[in-house]
Amino acid sequence: MSSDSNGDGVESSYVKIPQIKFTKLFINGEFVESLSGKTFETIDPRTGEVIAKISEGDKEDIDLAVKAARQAFDHGPWPRLPGSVTS
């Protein structure tokens, strides 16, 4: 939203950029660095400044994530829960 905060008729806007909290991969219920250690930069399009470096997942990271998901599906409780809840 914009506002005329100084009374001169010129509107200005201020956007508060939220703090980036999650920059790692989420695998098997944990935030982890990529196995390769590679990252990529996230750029603020307004300023061109780097606002965070994010872990970059490769094939090996994907394989771990799929293995963890398969384990959770096959042995975790949630796939056996009812699809709907009745009161």
PDB file of N, CA and C in Angstrom:
ATOM      1  N   MET A   1       0.830  -1.166   0.000  1.00  0.00           N
ATOM      2  CA  MET A   1       0.000   0.000   0.000  1.00  0.00           C
ATOM      3  C   MET A   1       0.878   1.233   0.000  1.00  0.00           C
ATOM      4  N   SER A   2       0.381   2.294  -0.582  1.00  0.00           N
ATOM      5  CA  SER A   2       1.142   3.527  -0.583  1.00  0.00           C
ATOM      6  C   SER A   2       0.490   4.529   0.341  1.00  0.00           C
ATOM      7  N   SER A   3       1.269   5.499   0.752  1.00  0.00           N
ATOM      8  CA  SER A   3       0.744   6.513   1.649  1.00  0.00           C
ATOM      9  C   SER A   3       1.443   7.825   1.389  1.00  0.00           C
ATOM     10  N   ASP A   4       0.773   8.912   1.728  1.00  0.00           N
ATOM     11  CA  ASP A   4       1.336  10.246   1.623  1.00  0.00           C
ATOM     12  C   ASP A   4       1.785  10.624   3.023  1.00  0.00           C
ATOM     13  N   SER A   5       2.974  10.167   3.402  1.00  0.00           N
ATOM     14  CA  SER A   5       3.410  10.334   4.781  1.00  0.00           C
ATOM     15  C   SER A   5       4.017  11.694   5.067  1.00  0.00           C
ATOM     16  N   ASN A   6       4.472  12.409   4.043  1.00  0.00           N
ATOM     17  CA  ASN A   6       5.117  13.681   4.313  1.00  0.00           C
ATOM     18  C   ASN A   6       4.257  14.877   3.929  1.00  0.00           C
ATOM     19  N   GLY A   7       3.049  14.653   3.450  1.00  0.00           N
ATOM     20  CA  GLY A   7       2.116  15.724   3.190  1.00  0.00           C
ATOM     21  C   GLY A   7       2.390  16.538   1.942  1.00  0.00           C
ATOM     22  N   ASP A   8       3.305  16.091   1.103  1.00  0.00           N
ATOM     23  CA  ASP A   8       3.616  16.878  -0.098  1.00  0.00           C
ATOM     24  C   ASP A   8       2.859  16.405  -1.326  1.00  0.00           C
ATOM     25  N   GLY A   9       1.921  15.479  -1.146  1.00  0.00           N
ATOM     26  CA  GLY A   9       1.139  14.980  -2.265  1.00  0.00           C
ATOM     27  C   GLY A   9       1.818  13.871  -3.043  1.00  0.00           C
ATOM     28  N   VAL A  10       3.064  13.580  -2.732  1.00  0.00           N
ATOM     29  CA  VAL A  10       3.794  12.511  -3.408  1.00  0.00           C
ATOM     30  C   VAL A  10       3.644  11.246  -2.585  1.00  0.00           C
ATOM     31  N   GLU A  11       3.145  10.212  -3.241  1.00  0.00           N
ATOM     32  CA  GLU A  11       2.957   8.956  -2.521  1.00  0.00           C
ATOM     33  C   GLU A  11       4.241   8.146  -2.540  1.00  0.00           C
ATOM     34  N   SER A  12       4.524   7.528  -1.422  1.00  0.00           N
ATOM     35  CA  SER A  12       5.685   6.647  -1.331  1.00  0.00           C
ATOM     36  C   SER A  12       5.231   5.347  -0.695  1.00  0.00           C
ATOM     37  N   SER A  13       5.957   4.282  -0.945  1.00  0.00           N
ATOM     38  CA  SER A  13       5.599   2.999  -0.351  1.00  0.00           C
ATOM     39  C   SER A  13       6.814   2.406   0.334  1.00  0.00           C
ATOM     40  N   TYR A  14       6.553   1.702   1.394  1.00  0.00           N
ATOM     41  CA  TYR A  14       7.603   1.023   2.145  1.00  0.00           C
ATOM     42  C   TYR A  14       7.162  -0.414   2.323  1.00  0.00           C
ATOM     43  N   VAL A  15       8.002  -1.303   1.882  1.00  0.00           N
ATOM     44  CA  VAL A  15       7.694  -2.724   1.996  1.00  0.00           C
ATOM     45  C   VAL A  15       8.710  -3.330   2.945  1.00  0.00           C
ATOM     46  N   LYS A  16       8.204  -3.946   3.980  1.00  0.00           N
ATOM     47  CA  LYS A  16       9.094  -4.631   4.912  1.00  0.00           C
ATOM     48  C   LYS A  16       9.365  -6.026   4.371  1.00  0.00           C
ATOM     49  N   ILE A  17      10.605  -6.333   4.112  1.00  0.00           N
ATOM     50  CA  ILE A  17      10.998  -7.650   3.619  1.00  0.00           C
ATOM     51  C   ILE A  17      11.099  -8.595   4.819  1.00  0.00           C
ATOM     52  N   PRO A  18      10.354  -9.695   4.801  1.00  0.00           N
ATOM     53  CA  PRO A  18      10.432 -10.628   5.932  1.00  0.00           C
ATOM     54  C   PRO A  18      11.787 -11.323   5.975  1.00  0.00           C
ATOM     55  N   GLN A  19      12.187 -11.694   7.166  1.00  0.00           N
ATOM     56  CA  GLN A  19      13.428 -12.435   7.331  1.00  0.00           C
ATOM     57  C   GLN A  19      13.259 -13.816   6.715  1.00  0.00           C
ATOM     58  N   ILE A  20      14.227 -14.248   5.930  1.00  0.00           N
ATOM     59  CA  ILE A  20      14.191 -15.576   5.315  1.00  0.00           C
ATOM     60  C   ILE A  20      14.667 -16.577   6.366  1.00  0.00           C
ATOM     61  N   LYS A  21      13.785 -17.497   6.754  1.00  0.00           N
ATOM     62  CA  LYS A  21      14.115 -18.451   7.810  1.00  0.00           C
ATOM     63  C   LYS A  21      14.546 -19.805   7.270  1.00  0.00           C
ATOM     64  N   PHE A  22      13.987 -20.206   6.150  1.00  0.00           N
ATOM     65  CA  PHE A  22      14.213 -21.563   5.670  1.00  0.00           C
ATOM     66  C   PHE A  22      15.047 -21.527   4.402  1.00  0.00           C
ATOM     67  N   THR A  23      16.298 -21.915   4.518  1.00  0.00           N
ATOM     68  CA  THR A  23      17.208 -21.886   3.381  1.00  0.00           C
ATOM     69  C   THR A  23      17.791 -23.261   3.079  1.00  0.00           C
ATOM     70  N   LYS A  24      17.364 -24.248   3.832  1.00  0.00           N
ATOM     71  CA  LYS A  24      17.878 -25.601   3.651  1.00  0.00           C
ATOM     72  C   LYS A  24      16.808 -26.483   3.029  1.00  0.00           C
ATOM     73  N   LEU A  25      17.181 -27.695   2.660  1.00  0.00           N
ATOM     74  CA  LEU A  25      16.250 -28.687   2.139  1.00  0.00           C
ATOM     75  C   LEU A  25      15.521 -29.331   3.319  1.00  0.00           C
ATOM     76  N   PHE A  26      14.250 -29.658   3.140  1.00  0.00           N
ATOM     77  CA  PHE A  26      13.480 -30.337   4.186  1.00  0.00           C
ATOM     78  C   PHE A  26      13.327 -31.789   3.781  1.00  0.00           C
ATOM     79  N   ILE A  27      14.118 -32.661   4.414  1.00  0.00           N
ATOM     80  CA  ILE A  27      14.132 -34.089   4.087  1.00  0.00           C
ATOM     81  C   ILE A  27      14.002 -34.886   5.373  1.00  0.00           C
ATOM     82  N   ASN A  28      13.054 -35.810   5.375  1.00  0.00           N
ATOM     83  CA  ASN A  28      12.843 -36.712   6.505  1.00  0.00           C
ATOM     84  C   ASN A  28      12.597 -35.951   7.803  1.00  0.00           C
ATOM     85  N   GLY A  29      11.817 -34.879   7.705  1.00  0.00           N
ATOM     86  CA  GLY A  29      11.445 -34.119   8.888  1.00  0.00           C
ATOM     87  C   GLY A  29      12.515 -33.196   9.434  1.00  0.00           C
ATOM     88  N   GLU A  30      13.583 -32.972   8.675  1.00  0.00           N
ATOM     89  CA  GLU A  30      14.672 -32.120   9.144  1.00  0.00           C
ATOM     90  C   GLU A  30      15.115 -31.165   8.045  1.00  0.00           C
ATOM     91  N   PHE A  31      15.587 -29.985   8.455  1.00  0.00           N
ATOM     92  CA  PHE A  31      16.200 -29.059   7.509  1.00  0.00           C
ATOM     93  C   PHE A  31      17.671 -29.405   7.411  1.00  0.00           C
ATOM     94  N   VAL A  32      18.126 -29.713   6.193  1.00  0.00           N
ATOM     95  CA  VAL A  32      19.506 -30.157   5.983  1.00  0.00           C
ATOM     96  C   VAL A  32      20.125 -29.408   4.814  1.00  0.00           C
ATOM     97  N   GLU A  33      21.445 -29.307   4.852  1.00  0.00           N
ATOM     98  CA  GLU A  33      22.194 -28.757   3.721  1.00  0.00           C
ATOM     99  C   GLU A  33      22.157 -29.786   2.592  1.00  0.00           C
ATOM    100  N   SER A  34      22.331 -29.322   1.370  1.00  0.00           N
ATOM    101  CA  SER A  34      22.422 -30.261   0.255  1.00  0.00           C
ATOM    102  C   SER A  34      23.700 -31.076   0.407  1.00  0.00           C
ATOM    103  N   LEU A  35      23.674 -32.297  -0.091  1.00  0.00           N
ATOM    104  CA  LEU A  35      24.851 -33.162   0.019  1.00  0.00           C
ATOM    105  C   LEU A  35      26.060 -32.563  -0.688  1.00  0.00           C
ATOM    106  N   SER A  36      25.822 -31.863  -1.788  1.00  0.00           N
ATOM    107  CA  SER A  36      26.923 -31.263  -2.542  1.00  0.00           C
ATOM    108  C   SER A  36      27.433 -29.983  -1.897  1.00  0.00           C
ATOM    109  N   GLY A  37      26.613 -29.402  -1.015  1.00  0.00           N
ATOM    110  CA  GLY A  37      26.986 -28.123  -0.414  1.00  0.00           C
ATOM    111  C   GLY A  37      26.696 -26.927  -1.304  1.00  0.00           C
ATOM    112  N   LYS A  38      26.140 -27.197  -2.503  1.00  0.00           N
ATOM    113  CA  LYS A  38      25.854 -26.098  -3.430  1.00  0.00           C
ATOM    114  C   LYS A  38      24.668 -25.277  -2.949  1.00  0.00           C
ATOM    115  N   THR A  39      24.701 -23.985  -3.275  1.00  0.00           N
ATOM    116  CA  THR A  39      23.603 -23.075  -2.969  1.00  0.00           C
ATOM    117  C   THR A  39      23.320 -22.216  -4.198  1.00  0.00           C
ATOM    118  N   PHE A  40      22.175 -21.551  -4.178  1.00  0.00           N
ATOM    119  CA  PHE A  40      21.893 -20.541  -5.199  1.00  0.00           C
ATOM    120  C   PHE A  40      21.393 -19.291  -4.487  1.00  0.00           C
ATOM    121  N   GLU A  41      21.605 -18.155  -5.110  1.00  0.00           N
ATOM    122  CA  GLU A  41      21.221 -16.889  -4.508  1.00  0.00           C
ATOM    123  C   GLU A  41      19.794 -16.521  -4.870  1.00  0.00           C
ATOM    124  N   THR A  42      19.071 -15.990  -3.889  1.00  0.00           N
ATOM    125  CA  THR A  42      17.752 -15.429  -4.116  1.00  0.00           C
ATOM    126  C   THR A  42      17.915 -13.912  -4.133  1.00  0.00           C
ATOM    127  N   ILE A  43      17.428 -13.295  -5.185  1.00  0.00           N
ATOM    128  CA  ILE A  43      17.638 -11.863  -5.410  1.00  0.00           C
ATOM    129  C   ILE A  43      16.343 -11.092  -5.162  1.00  0.00           C
ATOM    130  N   ASP A  44      16.454  -9.958  -4.471  1.00  0.00           N
ATOM    131  CA  ASP A  44      15.327  -9.034  -4.311  1.00  0.00           C
ATOM    132  C   ASP A  44      15.165  -8.313  -5.651  1.00  0.00           C
ATOM    133  N   PRO A  45      14.045  -8.520  -6.354  1.00  0.00           N
ATOM    134  CA  PRO A  45      13.893  -7.923  -7.682  1.00  0.00           C
ATOM    135  C   PRO A  45      13.817  -6.396  -7.664  1.00  0.00           C
ATOM    136  N   ARG A  46      13.488  -5.817  -6.512  1.00  0.00           N
ATOM    137  CA  ARG A  46      13.426  -4.354  -6.432  1.00  0.00           C
ATOM    138  C   ARG A  46      14.800  -3.719  -6.414  1.00  0.00           C
ATOM    139  N   THR A  47      15.745  -4.397  -5.751  1.00  0.00           N
ATOM    140  CA  THR A  47      17.063  -3.796  -5.535  1.00  0.00           C
ATOM    141  C   THR A  47      18.194  -4.535  -6.229  1.00  0.00           C
ATOM    142  N   GLY A  48      17.948  -5.785  -6.609  1.00  0.00           N
ATOM    143  CA  GLY A  48      19.009  -6.599  -7.190  1.00  0.00           C
ATOM    144  C   GLY A  48      19.951  -7.171  -6.143  1.00  0.00           C
ATOM    145  N   GLU A  49      19.662  -6.952  -4.864  1.00  0.00           N
ATOM    146  CA  GLU A  49      20.524  -7.452  -3.797  1.00  0.00           C
ATOM    147  C   GLU A  49      20.209  -8.900  -3.468  1.00  0.00           C
ATOM    148  N   VAL A  50      21.247  -9.630  -3.056  1.00  0.00           N
ATOM    149  CA  VAL A  50      21.064 -11.008  -2.595  1.00  0.00           C
ATOM    150  C   VAL A  50      20.406 -10.954  -1.227  1.00  0.00           C
ATOM    151  N   ILE A  51      19.278 -11.661  -1.071  1.00  0.00           N
ATOM    152  CA  ILE A  51      18.601 -11.677   0.224  1.00  0.00           C
ATOM    153  C   ILE A  51      18.774 -13.005   0.957  1.00  0.00           C
ATOM    154  N   ALA A  52      19.193 -14.058   0.236  1.00  0.00           N
ATOM    155  CA  ALA A  52      19.443 -15.348   0.893  1.00  0.00           C
ATOM    156  C   ALA A  52      20.189 -16.263  -0.061  1.00  0.00           C
ATOM    157  N   LYS A  53      20.914 -17.207   0.524  1.00  0.00           N
ATOM    158  CA  LYS A  53      21.514 -18.299  -0.234  1.00  0.00           C
ATOM    159  C   LYS A  53      20.776 -19.564   0.171  1.00  0.00           C
ATOM    160  N   ILE A  54      20.222 -20.262  -0.819  1.00  0.00           N
ATOM    161  CA  ILE A  54      19.366 -21.422  -0.595  1.00  0.00           C
ATOM    162  C   ILE A  54      20.104 -22.695  -1.000  1.00  0.00           C
ATOM    163  N   SER A  55      19.970 -23.744  -0.194  1.00  0.00           N
ATOM    164  CA  SER A  55      20.583 -25.029  -0.551  1.00  0.00           C
ATOM    165  C   SER A  55      20.007 -25.526  -1.872  1.00  0.00           C
ATOM    166  N   GLU A  56      20.876 -25.986  -2.727  1.00  0.00           N
ATOM    167  CA  GLU A  56      20.468 -26.469  -4.051  1.00  0.00           C
ATOM    168  C   GLU A  56      20.504 -27.986  -4.071  1.00  0.00           C
ATOM    169  N   GLY A  57      19.335 -28.590  -4.172  1.00  0.00           N
ATOM    170  CA  GLY A  57      19.238 -30.046  -4.183  1.00  0.00           C
ATOM    171  C   GLY A  57      19.613 -30.636  -5.528  1.00  0.00           C
ATOM    172  N   ASP A  58      20.360 -31.711  -5.493  1.00  0.00           N
ATOM    173  CA  ASP A  58      20.746 -32.460  -6.693  1.00  0.00           C
ATOM    174  C   ASP A  58      20.048 -33.824  -6.679  1.00  0.00           C
ATOM    175  N   LYS A  59      20.406 -34.657  -7.639  1.00  0.00           N
ATOM    176  CA  LYS A  59      19.824 -35.990  -7.755  1.00  0.00           C
ATOM    177  C   LYS A  59      19.949 -36.771  -6.449  1.00  0.00           C
ATOM    178  N   GLU A  60      21.104 -36.703  -5.802  1.00  0.00           N
ATOM    179  CA  GLU A  60      21.317 -37.458  -4.567  1.00  0.00           C
ATOM    180  C   GLU A  60      20.368 -36.986  -3.464  1.00  0.00           C
ATOM    181  N   ASP A  61      20.135 -35.664  -3.392  1.00  0.00           N
ATOM    182  CA  ASP A  61      19.200 -35.128  -2.397  1.00  0.00           C
ATOM    183  C   ASP A  61      17.775 -35.581  -2.696  1.00  0.00           C
ATOM    184  N   ILE A  62      17.422 -35.584  -3.952  1.00  0.00           N
ATOM    185  CA  ILE A  62      16.087 -36.033  -4.355  1.00  0.00           C
ATOM    186  C   ILE A  62      15.906 -37.510  -4.018  1.00  0.00           C
ATOM    187  N   ASP A  63      16.926 -38.310  -4.280  1.00  0.00           N
ATOM    188  CA  ASP A  63      16.856 -39.734  -3.939  1.00  0.00           C
ATOM    189  C   ASP A  63      16.620 -39.932  -2.442  1.00  0.00           C
ATOM    190  N   LEU A  64      17.319 -39.150  -1.600  1.00  0.00           N
ATOM    191  CA  LEU A  64      17.113 -39.241  -0.145  1.00  0.00           C
ATOM    192  C   LEU A  64      15.699 -38.835   0.239  1.00  0.00           C
ATOM    193  N   ALA A  65      15.194 -37.764  -0.376  1.00  0.00           N
ATOM    194  CA  ALA A  65      13.849 -37.286  -0.067  1.00  0.00           C
ATOM    195  C   ALA A  65      12.794 -38.318  -0.474  1.00  0.00           C
ATOM    196  N   VAL A  66      12.966 -38.921  -1.638  1.00  0.00           N
ATOM    197  CA  VAL A  66      12.009 -39.934  -2.101  1.00  0.00           C
ATOM    198  C   VAL A  66      12.061 -41.159  -1.197  1.00  0.00           C
ATOM    199  N   LYS A  67      13.251 -41.569  -0.807  1.00  0.00           N
ATOM    200  CA  LYS A  67      13.401 -42.716   0.093  1.00  0.00           C
ATOM    201  C   LYS A  67      12.710 -42.433   1.435  1.00  0.00           C
ATOM    202  N   ALA A  68      12.900 -41.221   1.978  1.00  0.00           N
ATOM    203  CA  ALA A  68      12.268 -40.856   3.248  1.00  0.00           C
ATOM    204  C   ALA A  68      10.748 -40.820   3.105  1.00  0.00           C
ATOM    205  N   ALA A  69      10.258 -40.285   1.983  1.00  0.00           N
ATOM    206  CA  ALA A  69       8.812 -40.227   1.752  1.00  0.00           C
ATOM    207  C   ALA A  69       8.222 -41.628   1.617  1.00  0.00           C
ATOM    208  N   ARG A  70       8.914 -42.499   0.928  1.00  0.00           N
ATOM    209  CA  ARG A  70       8.452 -43.881   0.775  1.00  0.00           C
ATOM    210  C   ARG A  70       8.379 -44.567   2.129  1.00  0.00           C
ATOM    211  N   GLN A  71       9.405 -44.373   2.948  1.00  0.00           N
ATOM    212  CA  GLN A  71       9.445 -44.961   4.293  1.00  0.00           C
ATOM    213  C   GLN A  71       8.278 -44.440   5.126  1.00  0.00           C
ATOM    214  N   ALA A  72       8.032 -43.134   5.068  1.00  0.00           N
ATOM    215  CA  ALA A  72       6.928 -42.543   5.833  1.00  0.00           C
ATOM    216  C   ALA A  72       5.588 -43.074   5.340  1.00  0.00           C
ATOM    217  N   PHE A  73       5.446 -43.225   4.054  1.00  0.00           N
ATOM    218  CA  PHE A  73       4.187 -43.718   3.501  1.00  0.00           C
ATOM    219  C   PHE A  73       3.953 -45.177   3.874  1.00  0.00           C
ATOM    220  N   ASP A  74       4.989 -45.977   3.742  1.00  0.00           N
ATOM    221  CA  ASP A  74       4.840 -47.410   4.002  1.00  0.00           C
ATOM    222  C   ASP A  74       4.724 -47.752   5.493  1.00  0.00           C
ATOM    223  N   HIS A  75       5.380 -46.978   6.351  1.00  0.00           N
ATOM    224  CA  HIS A  75       5.454 -47.360   7.760  1.00  0.00           C
ATOM    225  C   HIS A  75       4.922 -46.316   8.726  1.00  0.00           C
ATOM    226  N   GLY A  76       4.586 -45.149   8.254  1.00  0.00           N
ATOM    227  CA  GLY A  76       4.051 -44.100   9.121  1.00  0.00           C
ATOM    228  C   GLY A  76       2.554 -44.261   9.317  1.00  0.00           C
ATOM    229  N   PRO A  77       1.983 -43.535  10.287  1.00  0.00           N
ATOM    230  CA  PRO A  77       0.560 -43.696  10.593  1.00  0.00           C
ATOM    231  C   PRO A  77      -0.378 -42.976   9.625  1.00  0.00           C
ATOM    232  N   TRP A  78       0.052 -41.921   8.992  1.00  0.00           N
ATOM    233  CA  TRP A  78      -0.900 -41.090   8.249  1.00  0.00           C
ATOM    234  C   TRP A  78      -1.562 -41.751   7.056  1.00  0.00           C
ATOM    235  N   PRO A  79      -0.948 -42.685   6.323  1.00  0.00           N
ATOM    236  CA  PRO A  79      -1.695 -43.255   5.199  1.00  0.00           C
ATOM    237  C   PRO A  79      -2.849 -44.158   5.625  1.00  0.00           C
ATOM    238  N   ARG A  80      -2.859 -44.555   6.880  1.00  0.00           N
ATOM    239  CA  ARG A  80      -3.946 -45.415   7.367  1.00  0.00           C
ATOM    240  C   ARG A  80      -5.057 -44.621   8.056  1.00  0.00           C
ATOM    241  N   LEU A  81      -4.908 -43.299   8.110  1.00  0.00           N
ATOM    242  CA  LEU A  81      -5.960 -42.469   8.697  1.00  0.00           C
ATOM    243  C   LEU A  81      -7.120 -42.347   7.727  1.00  0.00           C
ATOM    244  N   PRO A  82      -8.330 -42.163   8.243  1.00  0.00           N
ATOM    245  CA  PRO A  82      -9.491 -42.027   7.349  1.00  0.00           C
ATOM    246  C   PRO A  82      -9.368 -40.758   6.503  1.00  0.00           C
ATOM    247  N   GLY A  83      -9.935 -40.828   5.318  1.00  0.00           N
ATOM    248  CA  GLY A  83      -9.888 -39.679   4.410  1.00  0.00           C
ATOM    249  C   GLY A  83     -10.751 -38.531   4.851  1.00  0.00           C
ATOM    250  N   SER A  84     -11.736 -38.796   5.677  1.00  0.00           N
ATOM    251  CA  SER A  84     -12.592 -37.734   6.195  1.00  0.00           C
ATOM    252  C   SER A  84     -12.898 -38.004   7.651  1.00  0.00           C
ATOM    253  N   VAL A  85     -13.230 -36.957   8.332  1.00  0.00           N
ATOM    254  CA  VAL A  85     -13.554 -37.068   9.750  1.00  0.00           C
ATOM    255  C   VAL A  85     -15.034 -36.745   9.900  1.00  0.00           C
ATOM    256  N   THR A  86     -15.748 -37.613  10.587  1.00  0.00           N
ATOM    257  CA  THR A  86     -17.173 -37.365  10.847  1.00  0.00           C
ATOM    258  C   THR A  86     -17.352 -37.056  12.321  1.00  0.00           C
ATOM    259  N   SER A  87     -18.314 -36.206  12.612  1.00  0.00           N
ATOM    260  CA  SER A  87     -18.535 -35.848  14.015  1.00  0.00           C
ATOM    261  C   SER A  87     -19.698 -36.588  14.613  1.00  0.00           C
TER     262      SER A  87
END
